Amino acid sequence: MLSIAFEQSKYYVDSLSENTKRGLRQKVRRGEYPGLAPVGYINDVRTKTIVIDRKRSKIVKQAFELYSKGNFTLGEIADFLAKNGIKTKNDNPYKRD
């Protein structure tokens, strides 16, 4: 009896996983972003797309430019983001790594 219950639950989990993957692939085909928007973007619930966050995107762009010049470490970039109010989704400052 336990073996039958285990097989049923395994089938349910496998089909749920496959349906989730199928849904994410379909979102990508429609041009939607399959998840939360990255830093510097916001989710637009009306169009189900991501749009540029005018305030934060400028700061994030500056951080990438500072790092690309090679004069700043990741720790200094994390401090730059924290000083300018850019935080993680949990409202914590970005880590140095």
PDB file of N, CA and C in Angstrom:
ATOM      1  N   MET A   1       0.824  -1.189   0.000  1.00  0.00           N
ATOM      2  CA  MET A   1       0.000   0.000   0.000  1.00  0.00           C
ATOM      3  C   MET A   1       0.880   1.269   0.000  1.00  0.00           C
ATOM      4  N   LEU A   2       1.931   1.218   0.792  1.00  0.00           N
ATOM      5  CA  LEU A   2       2.844   2.355   0.874  1.00  0.00           C
ATOM      6  C   LEU A   2       3.549   2.582  -0.459  1.00  0.00           C
ATOM      7  N   SER A   3       3.871   1.531  -1.137  1.00  0.00           N
ATOM      8  CA  SER A   3       4.523   1.627  -2.437  1.00  0.00           C
ATOM      9  C   SER A   3       3.616   2.305  -3.457  1.00  0.00           C
ATOM     10  N   ILE A   4       2.345   1.999  -3.431  1.00  0.00           N
ATOM     11  CA  ILE A   4       1.385   2.620  -4.358  1.00  0.00           C
ATOM     12  C   ILE A   4       1.267   4.114  -4.060  1.00  0.00           C
ATOM     13  N   ALA A   5       1.191   4.480  -2.793  1.00  0.00           N
ATOM     14  CA  ALA A   5       1.100   5.895  -2.413  1.00  0.00           C
ATOM     15  C   ALA A   5       2.351   6.642  -2.836  1.00  0.00           C
ATOM     16  N   PHE A   6       3.507   6.010  -2.687  1.00  0.00           N
ATOM     17  CA  PHE A   6       4.761   6.644  -3.089  1.00  0.00           C
ATOM     18  C   PHE A   6       4.783   6.878  -4.597  1.00  0.00           C
ATOM     19  N   GLU A   7       4.369   5.889  -5.369  1.00  0.00           N
ATOM     20  CA  GLU A   7       4.343   6.030  -6.829  1.00  0.00           C
ATOM     21  C   GLU A   7       3.399   7.139  -7.269  1.00  0.00           C
ATOM     22  N   GLN A   8       2.251   7.255  -6.629  1.00  0.00           N
ATOM     23  CA  GLN A   8       1.294   8.319  -6.965  1.00  0.00           C
ATOM     24  C   GLN A   8       1.878   9.696  -6.665  1.00  0.00           C
ATOM     25  N   SER A   9       2.531   9.817  -5.528  1.00  0.00           N
ATOM     26  CA  SER A   9       3.099  11.121  -5.176  1.00  0.00           C
ATOM     27  C   SER A   9       4.264  11.468  -6.099  1.00  0.00           C
ATOM     28  N   LYS A  10       5.053  10.483  -6.482  1.00  0.00           N
ATOM     29  CA  LYS A  10       6.150  10.734  -7.417  1.00  0.00           C
ATOM     30  C   LYS A  10       5.616  11.162  -8.769  1.00  0.00           C
ATOM     31  N   TYR A  11       4.565  10.530  -9.248  1.00  0.00           N
ATOM     32  CA  TYR A  11       3.953  10.915 -10.518  1.00  0.00           C
ATOM     33  C   TYR A  11       3.430  12.351 -10.451  1.00  0.00           C
ATOM     34  N   TYR A  12       2.804  12.704  -9.327  1.00  0.00           N
ATOM     35  CA  TYR A  12       2.273  14.058  -9.163  1.00  0.00           C
ATOM     36  C   TYR A  12       3.397  15.089  -9.194  1.00  0.00           C
ATOM     37  N   VAL A  13       4.477  14.844  -8.489  1.00  0.00           N
ATOM     38  CA  VAL A  13       5.595  15.784  -8.438  1.00  0.00           C
ATOM     39  C   VAL A  13       6.260  15.903  -9.808  1.00  0.00           C
ATOM     40  N   ASP A  14       6.437  14.791 -10.507  1.00  0.00           N
ATOM     41  CA  ASP A  14       7.053  14.818 -11.833  1.00  0.00           C
ATOM     42  C   ASP A  14       6.205  15.592 -12.827  1.00  0.00           C
ATOM     43  N   SER A  15       4.893  15.362 -12.810  1.00  0.00           N
ATOM     44  CA  SER A  15       4.025  16.084 -13.754  1.00  0.00           C
ATOM     45  C   SER A  15       3.944  17.562 -13.390  1.00  0.00           C
ATOM     46  N   LEU A  16       3.958  17.884 -12.109  1.00  0.00           N
ATOM     47  CA  LEU A  16       3.954  19.292 -11.695  1.00  0.00           C
ATOM     48  C   LEU A  16       5.218  19.994 -12.161  1.00  0.00           C
ATOM     49  N   SER A  17       6.351  19.336 -12.039  1.00  0.00           N
ATOM     50  CA  SER A  17       7.612  19.905 -12.500  1.00  0.00           C
ATOM     51  C   SER A  17       7.589  20.138 -14.004  1.00  0.00           C
ATOM     52  N   GLU A  18       7.101  19.171 -14.743  1.00  0.00           N
ATOM     53  CA  GLU A  18       7.041  19.306 -16.203  1.00  0.00           C
ATOM     54  C   GLU A  18       6.084  20.422 -16.619  1.00  0.00           C
ATOM     55  N   ASN A  19       4.960  20.547 -15.945  1.00  0.00           N
ATOM     56  CA  ASN A  19       4.012  21.619 -16.270  1.00  0.00           C
ATOM     57  C   ASN A  19       4.588  22.993 -15.949  1.00  0.00           C
ATOM     58  N   THR A  20       5.344  23.090 -14.862  1.00  0.00           N
ATOM     59  CA  THR A  20       5.974  24.358 -14.503  1.00  0.00           C
ATOM     60  C   THR A  20       7.002  24.767 -15.548  1.00  0.00           C
ATOM     61  N   LYS A  21       7.837  23.823 -15.968  1.00  0.00           N
ATOM     62  CA  LYS A  21       8.826  24.115 -17.007  1.00  0.00           C
ATOM     63  C   LYS A  21       8.150  24.527 -18.299  1.00  0.00           C
ATOM     64  N   ARG A  22       7.071  23.845 -18.655  1.00  0.00           N
ATOM     65  CA  ARG A  22       6.337  24.171 -19.876  1.00  0.00           C
ATOM     66  C   ARG A  22       5.769  25.591 -19.802  1.00  0.00           C
ATOM     67  N   GLY A  23       5.248  25.958 -18.638  1.00  0.00           N
ATOM     68  CA  GLY A  23       4.703  27.302 -18.463  1.00  0.00           C
ATOM     69  C   GLY A  23       5.769  28.379 -18.580  1.00  0.00           C
ATOM     70  N   LEU A  24       6.940  28.140 -18.011  1.00  0.00           N
ATOM     71  CA  LEU A  24       8.028  29.122 -18.104  1.00  0.00           C
ATOM     72  C   LEU A  24       8.519  29.266 -19.537  1.00  0.00           C
ATOM     73  N   ARG A  25       8.624  28.136 -20.251  1.00  0.00           N
ATOM     74  CA  ARG A  25       9.027  28.214 -21.669  1.00  0.00           C
ATOM     75  C   ARG A  25       8.003  28.992 -22.481  1.00  0.00           C
ATOM     76  N   GLN A  26       6.730  28.803 -22.191  1.00  0.00           N
ATOM     77  CA  GLN A  26       5.676  29.518 -22.912  1.00  0.00           C
ATOM     78  C   GLN A  26       5.755  31.021 -22.638  1.00  0.00           C
ATOM     79  N   LYS A  27       6.056  31.405 -21.408  1.00  0.00           N
ATOM     80  CA  LYS A  27       6.225  32.823 -21.089  1.00  0.00           C
ATOM     81  C   LYS A  27       7.349  33.444 -21.903  1.00  0.00           C
ATOM     82  N   VAL A  28       8.456  32.727 -22.018  1.00  0.00           N
ATOM     83  CA  VAL A  28       9.592  33.232 -22.793  1.00  0.00           C
ATOM     84  C   VAL A  28       9.197  33.392 -24.259  1.00  0.00           C
ATOM     85  N   ARG A  29       8.460  32.425 -24.798  1.00  0.00           N
ATOM     86  CA  ARG A  29       8.023  32.529 -26.198  1.00  0.00           C
ATOM     87  C   ARG A  29       7.130  33.738 -26.433  1.00  0.00           C
ATOM     88  N   ARG A  30       6.314  34.079 -25.429  1.00  0.00           N
ATOM     89  CA  ARG A  30       5.421  35.241 -25.569  1.00  0.00           C
ATOM     90  C   ARG A  30       6.143  36.560 -25.330  1.00  0.00           C
ATOM     91  N   GLY A  31       7.406  36.495 -24.921  1.00  0.00           N
ATOM     92  CA  GLY A  31       8.168  37.708 -24.686  1.00  0.00           C
ATOM     93  C   GLY A  31       8.073  38.226 -23.264  1.00  0.00           C
ATOM     94  N   GLU A  32       7.532  37.449 -22.373  1.00  0.00           N
ATOM     95  CA  GLU A  32       7.414  37.849 -20.976  1.00  0.00           C
ATOM     96  C   GLU A  32       8.654  37.395 -20.220  1.00  0.00           C
ATOM     97  N   TYR A  33       8.981  38.088 -19.165  1.00  0.00           N
ATOM     98  CA  TYR A  33      10.122  37.711 -18.324  1.00  0.00           C
ATOM     99  C   TYR A  33       9.636  36.683 -17.311  1.00  0.00           C
ATOM    100  N   PRO A  34      10.208  35.485 -17.284  1.00  0.00           N
ATOM    101  CA  PRO A  34       9.690  34.423 -16.415  1.00  0.00           C
ATOM    102  C   PRO A  34      10.197  34.492 -14.979  1.00  0.00           C
ATOM    103  N   GLY A  35       9.868  35.531 -14.280  1.00  0.00           N
ATOM    104  CA  GLY A  35      10.298  35.646 -12.892  1.00  0.00           C
ATOM    105  C   GLY A  35      10.260  37.095 -12.457  1.00  0.00           C
ATOM    106  N   LEU A  36      10.861  37.357 -11.318  1.00  0.00           N
ATOM    107  CA  LEU A  36      10.927  38.725 -10.822  1.00  0.00           C
ATOM    108  C   LEU A  36      11.922  39.525 -11.645  1.00  0.00           C
ATOM    109  N   ALA A  37      11.653  40.797 -11.778  1.00  0.00           N
ATOM    110  CA  ALA A  37      12.516  41.672 -12.568  1.00  0.00           C
ATOM    111  C   ALA A  37      13.878  41.826 -11.903  1.00  0.00           C
ATOM    112  N   PRO A  38      14.949  41.901 -12.709  1.00  0.00           N
ATOM    113  CA  PRO A  38      16.276  42.125 -12.135  1.00  0.00           C
ATOM    114  C   PRO A  38      16.409  43.544 -11.567  1.00  0.00           C
ATOM    115  N   VAL A  39      17.500  43.794 -10.889  1.00  0.00           N
ATOM    116  CA  VAL A  39      17.743  45.108 -10.290  1.00  0.00           C
ATOM    117  C   VAL A  39      17.799  46.163 -11.399  1.00  0.00           C
ATOM    118  N   GLY A  40      17.080  47.259 -11.216  1.00  0.00           N
ATOM    119  CA  GLY A  40      17.039  48.319 -12.214  1.00  0.00           C
ATOM    120  C   GLY A  40      15.805  48.240 -13.091  1.00  0.00           C
ATOM    121  N   TYR A  41      15.011  47.199 -12.913  1.00  0.00           N
ATOM    122  CA  TYR A  41      13.765  47.014 -13.656  1.00  0.00           C
ATOM    123  C   TYR A  41      12.639  46.777 -12.661  1.00  0.00           C
ATOM    124  N   ILE A  42      11.413  46.964 -13.114  1.00  0.00           N
ATOM    125  CA  ILE A  42      10.247  46.650 -12.293  1.00  0.00           C
ATOM    126  C   ILE A  42       9.267  45.827 -13.121  1.00  0.00           C
ATOM    127  N   ASN A  43       8.486  44.998 -12.441  1.00  0.00           N
ATOM    128  CA  ASN A  43       7.468  44.213 -13.107  1.00  0.00           C
ATOM    129  C   ASN A  43       6.248  45.086 -13.384  1.00  0.00           C
ATOM    130  N   ASP A  44       5.763  45.080 -14.627  1.00  0.00           N
ATOM    131  CA  ASP A  44       4.534  45.773 -14.991  1.00  0.00           C
ATOM    132  C   ASP A  44       3.422  44.739 -14.998  1.00  0.00           C
ATOM    133  N   VAL A  45       2.519  44.817 -14.007  1.00  0.00           N
ATOM    134  CA  VAL A  45       1.493  43.791 -13.868  1.00  0.00           C
ATOM    135  C   VAL A  45       0.429  43.886 -14.955  1.00  0.00           C
ATOM    136  N   ARG A  46       0.259  45.055 -15.537  1.00  0.00           N
ATOM    137  CA  ARG A  46      -0.760  45.191 -16.588  1.00  0.00           C
ATOM    138  C   ARG A  46      -0.351  44.489 -17.866  1.00  0.00           C
ATOM    139  N   THR A  47       0.893  44.681 -18.290  1.00  0.00           N
ATOM    140  CA  THR A  47       1.352  44.082 -19.538  1.00  0.00           C
ATOM    141  C   THR A  47       2.143  42.799 -19.316  1.00  0.00           C
ATOM    142  N   LYS A  48       2.383  42.446 -18.047  1.00  0.00           N
ATOM    143  CA  LYS A  48       3.142  41.260 -17.672  1.00  0.00           C
ATOM    144  C   LYS A  48       4.530  41.244 -18.318  1.00  0.00           C
ATOM    145  N   THR A  49       5.168  42.389 -18.329  1.00  0.00           N
ATOM    146  CA  THR A  49       6.526  42.524 -18.839  1.00  0.00           C
ATOM    147  C   THR A  49       7.347  43.243 -17.780  1.00  0.00           C
ATOM    148  N   ILE A  50       8.612  43.467 -18.085  1.00  0.00           N
ATOM    149  CA  ILE A  50       9.434  44.271 -17.200  1.00  0.00           C
ATOM    150  C   ILE A  50       9.726  45.593 -17.903  1.00  0.00           C
ATOM    151  N   VAL A  51       9.793  46.639 -17.125  1.00  0.00           N
ATOM    152  CA  VAL A  51      10.102  47.966 -17.648  1.00  0.00           C
ATOM    153  C   VAL A  51      11.250  48.546 -16.837  1.00  0.00           C
ATOM    154  N   ILE A  52      11.935  49.482 -17.426  1.00  0.00           N
ATOM    155  CA  ILE A  52      13.079  50.108 -16.760  1.00  0.00           C
ATOM    156  C   ILE A  52      12.590  51.001 -15.619  1.00  0.00           C
ATOM    157  N   ASP A  53      13.215  50.851 -14.468  1.00  0.00           N
ATOM    158  CA  ASP A  53      12.961  51.717 -13.324  1.00  0.00           C
ATOM    159  C   ASP A  53      13.841  52.949 -13.502  1.00  0.00           C
ATOM    160  N   ARG A  54      13.242  54.061 -13.783  1.00  0.00           N
ATOM    161  CA  ARG A  54      13.990  55.274 -14.151  1.00  0.00           C
ATOM    162  C   ARG A  54      15.000  55.706 -13.093  1.00  0.00           C
ATOM    163  N   LYS A  55      14.644  55.619 -11.823  1.00  0.00           N
ATOM    164  CA  LYS A  55      15.550  56.060 -10.761  1.00  0.00           C
ATOM    165  C   LYS A  55      16.690  55.070 -10.544  1.00  0.00           C
ATOM    166  N   ARG A  56      16.339  53.817 -10.308  1.00  0.00           N
ATOM    167  CA  ARG A  56      17.339  52.821  -9.931  1.00  0.00           C
ATOM    168  C   ARG A  56      18.235  52.415 -11.086  1.00  0.00           C
ATOM    169  N   SER A  57      17.725  52.458 -12.312  1.00  0.00           N
ATOM    170  CA  SER A  57      18.528  51.985 -13.444  1.00  0.00           C
ATOM    171  C   SER A  57      19.765  52.850 -13.663  1.00  0.00           C
ATOM    172  N   LYS A  58      19.656  54.139 -13.395  1.00  0.00           N
ATOM    173  CA  LYS A  58      20.813  55.022 -13.562  1.00  0.00           C
ATOM    174  C   LYS A  58      21.922  54.661 -12.577  1.00  0.00           C
ATOM    175  N   ILE A  59      21.526  54.353 -11.346  1.00  0.00           N
ATOM    176  CA  ILE A  59      22.509  54.002 -10.321  1.00  0.00           C
ATOM    177  C   ILE A  59      23.146  52.653 -10.634  1.00  0.00           C
ATOM    178  N   VAL A  60      22.336  51.690 -11.078  1.00  0.00           N
ATOM    179  CA  VAL A  60      22.867  50.373 -11.418  1.00  0.00           C
ATOM    180  C   VAL A  60      23.808  50.484 -12.617  1.00  0.00           C
ATOM    181  N   LYS A  61      23.459  51.310 -13.576  1.00  0.00           N
ATOM    182  CA  LYS A  61      24.332  51.512 -14.741  1.00  0.00           C
ATOM    183  C   LYS A  61      25.666  52.114 -14.312  1.00  0.00           C
ATOM    184  N   GLN A  62      25.619  53.084 -13.393  1.00  0.00           N
ATOM    185  CA  GLN A  62      26.855  53.678 -12.875  1.00  0.00           C
ATOM    186  C   GLN A  62      27.716  52.626 -12.181  1.00  0.00           C
ATOM    187  N   ALA A  63      27.072  51.732 -11.422  1.00  0.00           N
ATOM    188  CA  ALA A  63      27.817  50.685 -10.717  1.00  0.00           C
ATOM    189  C   ALA A  63      28.526  49.770 -11.716  1.00  0.00           C
ATOM    190  N   PHE A  64      27.844  49.390 -12.790  1.00  0.00           N
ATOM    191  CA  PHE A  64      28.477  48.550 -13.801  1.00  0.00           C
ATOM    192  C   PHE A  64      29.621  49.278 -14.487  1.00  0.00           C
ATOM    193  N   GLU A  65      29.441  50.565 -14.754  1.00  0.00           N
ATOM    194  CA  GLU A  65      30.504  51.333 -15.400  1.00  0.00           C
ATOM    195  C   GLU A  65      31.715  51.481 -14.484  1.00  0.00           C
ATOM    196  N   LEU A  66      31.474  51.707 -13.191  1.00  0.00           N
ATOM    197  CA  LEU A  66      32.583  51.806 -12.246  1.00  0.00           C
ATOM    198  C   LEU A  66      33.362  50.496 -12.180  1.00  0.00           C
ATOM    199  N   TYR A  67      32.648  49.391 -12.159  1.00  0.00           N
ATOM    200  CA  TYR A  67      33.325  48.100 -12.073  1.00  0.00           C
ATOM    201  C   TYR A  67      34.062  47.764 -13.360  1.00  0.00           C
ATOM    202  N   SER A  68      33.502  48.163 -14.493  1.00  0.00           N
ATOM    203  CA  SER A  68      34.142  47.818 -15.773  1.00  0.00           C
ATOM    204  C   SER A  68      35.459  48.567 -15.973  1.00  0.00           C
ATOM    205  N   LYS A  69      35.617  49.707 -15.326  1.00  0.00           N
ATOM    206  CA  LYS A  69      36.871  50.453 -15.449  1.00  0.00           C
ATOM    207  C   LYS A  69      38.013  49.751 -14.720  1.00  0.00           C
ATOM    208  N   GLY A  70      37.692  48.885 -13.772  1.00  0.00           N
ATOM    209  CA  GLY A  70      38.717  48.120 -13.082  1.00  0.00           C
ATOM    210  C   GLY A  70      39.322  48.817 -11.883  1.00  0.00           C
ATOM    211  N   ASN A  71      38.845  50.002 -11.536  1.00  0.00           N
ATOM    212  CA  ASN A  71      39.409  50.736 -10.403  1.00  0.00           C
ATOM    213  C   ASN A  71      38.698  50.442  -9.084  1.00  0.00           C
ATOM    214  N   PHE A  72      37.579  49.726  -9.142  1.00  0.00           N
ATOM    215  CA  PHE A  72      36.776  49.492  -7.950  1.00  0.00           C
ATOM    216  C   PHE A  72      36.621  47.991  -7.721  1.00  0.00           C
ATOM    217  N   THR A  73      36.625  47.588  -6.459  1.00  0.00           N
ATOM    218  CA  THR A  73      36.408  46.191  -6.104  1.00  0.00           C
ATOM    219  C   THR A  73      34.912  45.947  -5.939  1.00  0.00           C
ATOM    220  N   LEU A  74      34.548  44.678  -5.795  1.00  0.00           N
ATOM    221  CA  LEU A  74      33.137  44.362  -5.576  1.00  0.00           C
ATOM    222  C   LEU A  74      32.642  44.938  -4.247  1.00  0.00           C
ATOM    223  N   GLY A  75      33.505  44.988  -3.261  1.00  0.00           N
ATOM    224  CA  GLY A  75      33.130  45.583  -1.979  1.00  0.00           C
ATOM    225  C   GLY A  75      32.811  47.056  -2.113  1.00  0.00           C
ATOM    226  N   GLU A  76      33.626  47.763  -2.888  1.00  0.00           N
ATOM    227  CA  GLU A  76      33.373  49.193  -3.100  1.00  0.00           C
ATOM    228  C   GLU A  76      32.097  49.419  -3.910  1.00  0.00           C
ATOM    229  N   ILE A  77      31.819  48.521  -4.844  1.00  0.00           N
ATOM    230  CA  ILE A  77      30.575  48.628  -5.616  1.00  0.00           C
ATOM    231  C   ILE A  77      29.381  48.359  -4.715  1.00  0.00           C
ATOM    232  N   ALA A  78      29.496  47.379  -3.817  1.00  0.00           N
ATOM    233  CA  ALA A  78      28.411  47.093  -2.871  1.00  0.00           C
ATOM    234  C   ALA A  78      28.167  48.302  -1.969  1.00  0.00           C
ATOM    235  N   ASP A  79      29.234  48.955  -1.521  1.00  0.00           N
ATOM    236  CA  ASP A  79      29.086  50.162  -0.706  1.00  0.00           C
ATOM    237  C   ASP A  79      28.439  51.288  -1.503  1.00  0.00           C
ATOM    238  N   PHE A  80      28.818  51.429  -2.772  1.00  0.00           N
ATOM    239  CA  PHE A  80      28.227  52.442  -3.653  1.00  0.00           C
ATOM    240  C   PHE A  80      26.727  52.213  -3.803  1.00  0.00           C
ATOM    241  N   LEU A  81      26.324  50.960  -4.003  1.00  0.00           N
ATOM    242  CA  LEU A  81      24.900  50.655  -4.143  1.00  0.00           C
ATOM    243  C   LEU A  81      24.148  50.932  -2.839  1.00  0.00           C
ATOM    244  N   ALA A  82      24.742  50.563  -1.710  1.00  0.00           N
ATOM    245  CA  ALA A  82      24.094  50.798  -0.410  1.00  0.00           C
ATOM    246  C   ALA A  82      23.960  52.289  -0.130  1.00  0.00           C
ATOM    247  N   LYS A  83      24.993  53.052  -0.475  1.00  0.00           N
ATOM    248  CA  LYS A  83      24.966  54.501  -0.246  1.00  0.00           C
ATOM    249  C   LYS A  83      23.868  55.158  -1.070  1.00  0.00           C
ATOM    250  N   ASN A  84      23.588  54.608  -2.246  1.00  0.00           N
ATOM    251  CA  ASN A  84      22.569  55.179  -3.126  1.00  0.00           C
ATOM    252  C   ASN A  84      21.192  54.536  -2.968  1.00  0.00           C
ATOM    253  N   GLY A  85      21.020  53.682  -1.953  1.00  0.00           N
ATOM    254  CA  GLY A  85      19.700  53.148  -1.632  1.00  0.00           C
ATOM    255  C   GLY A  85      19.266  51.940  -2.439  1.00  0.00           C
ATOM    256  N   ILE A  86      20.187  51.284  -3.134  1.00  0.00           N
ATOM    257  CA  ILE A  86      19.840  50.084  -3.879  1.00  0.00           C
ATOM    258  C   ILE A  86      20.035  48.893  -2.948  1.00  0.00           C
ATOM    259  N   LYS A  87      18.948  48.153  -2.690  1.00  0.00           N
ATOM    260  CA  LYS A  87      18.994  47.024  -1.771  1.00  0.00           C
ATOM    261  C   LYS A  87      18.394  45.795  -2.433  1.00  0.00           C
ATOM    262  N   THR A  88      18.571  44.646  -1.779  1.00  0.00           N
ATOM    263  CA  THR A  88      18.013  43.403  -2.288  1.00  0.00           C
ATOM    264  C   THR A  88      16.501  43.412  -2.112  1.00  0.00           C
ATOM    265  N   LYS A  89      15.862  42.366  -2.601  1.00  0.00           N
ATOM    266  CA  LYS A  89      14.409  42.271  -2.483  1.00  0.00           C
ATOM    267  C   LYS A  89      13.963  42.148  -1.029  1.00  0.00           C
ATOM    268  N   ASN A  90      14.857  41.666  -0.165  1.00  0.00           N
ATOM    269  CA  ASN A  90      14.556  41.548   1.264  1.00  0.00           C
ATOM    270  C   ASN A  90      14.942  42.797   2.038  1.00  0.00           C
ATOM    271  N   ASP A  91      15.255  43.865   1.330  1.00  0.00           N
ATOM    272  CA  ASP A  91      15.619  45.157   1.912  1.00  0.00           C
ATOM    273  C   ASP A  91      16.929  45.087   2.695  1.00  0.00           C
ATOM    274  N   ASN A  92      17.842  44.248   2.232  1.00  0.00           N
ATOM    275  CA  ASN A  92      19.182  44.159   2.806  1.00  0.00           C
ATOM    276  C   ASN A  92      20.172  44.754   1.813  1.00  0.00           C
ATOM    277  N   PRO A  93      21.280  45.300   2.301  1.00  0.00           N
ATOM    278  CA  PRO A  93      22.305  45.787   1.347  1.00  0.00           C
ATOM    279  C   PRO A  93      22.948  44.607   0.632  1.00  0.00           C
ATOM    280  N   TYR A  94      23.436  44.853  -0.586  1.00  0.00           N
ATOM    281  CA  TYR A  94      24.100  43.804  -1.349  1.00  0.00           C
ATOM    282  C   TYR A  94      25.389  43.416  -0.650  1.00  0.00           C
ATOM    283  N   LYS A  95      25.716  42.137  -0.721  1.00  0.00           N
ATOM    284  CA  LYS A  95      26.935  41.631  -0.103  1.00  0.00           C
ATOM    285  C   LYS A  95      28.121  41.985  -0.975  1.00  0.00           C
ATOM    286  N   ARG A  96      29.274  41.919  -0.410  1.00  0.00           N
ATOM    287  CA  ARG A  96      30.499  42.301  -1.118  1.00  0.00           C
ATOM    288  C   ARG A  96      30.892  41.295  -2.185  1.00  0.00           C
ATOM    289  N   ASP A  97      30.334  40.122  -2.160  1.00  0.00           N
ATOM    290  CA  ASP A  97      30.696  39.139  -3.177  1.00  0.00           C
ATOM    291  C   ASP A  97      29.690  39.164  -4.288  1.00  0.00           C
TER     292      ASP A  97
END
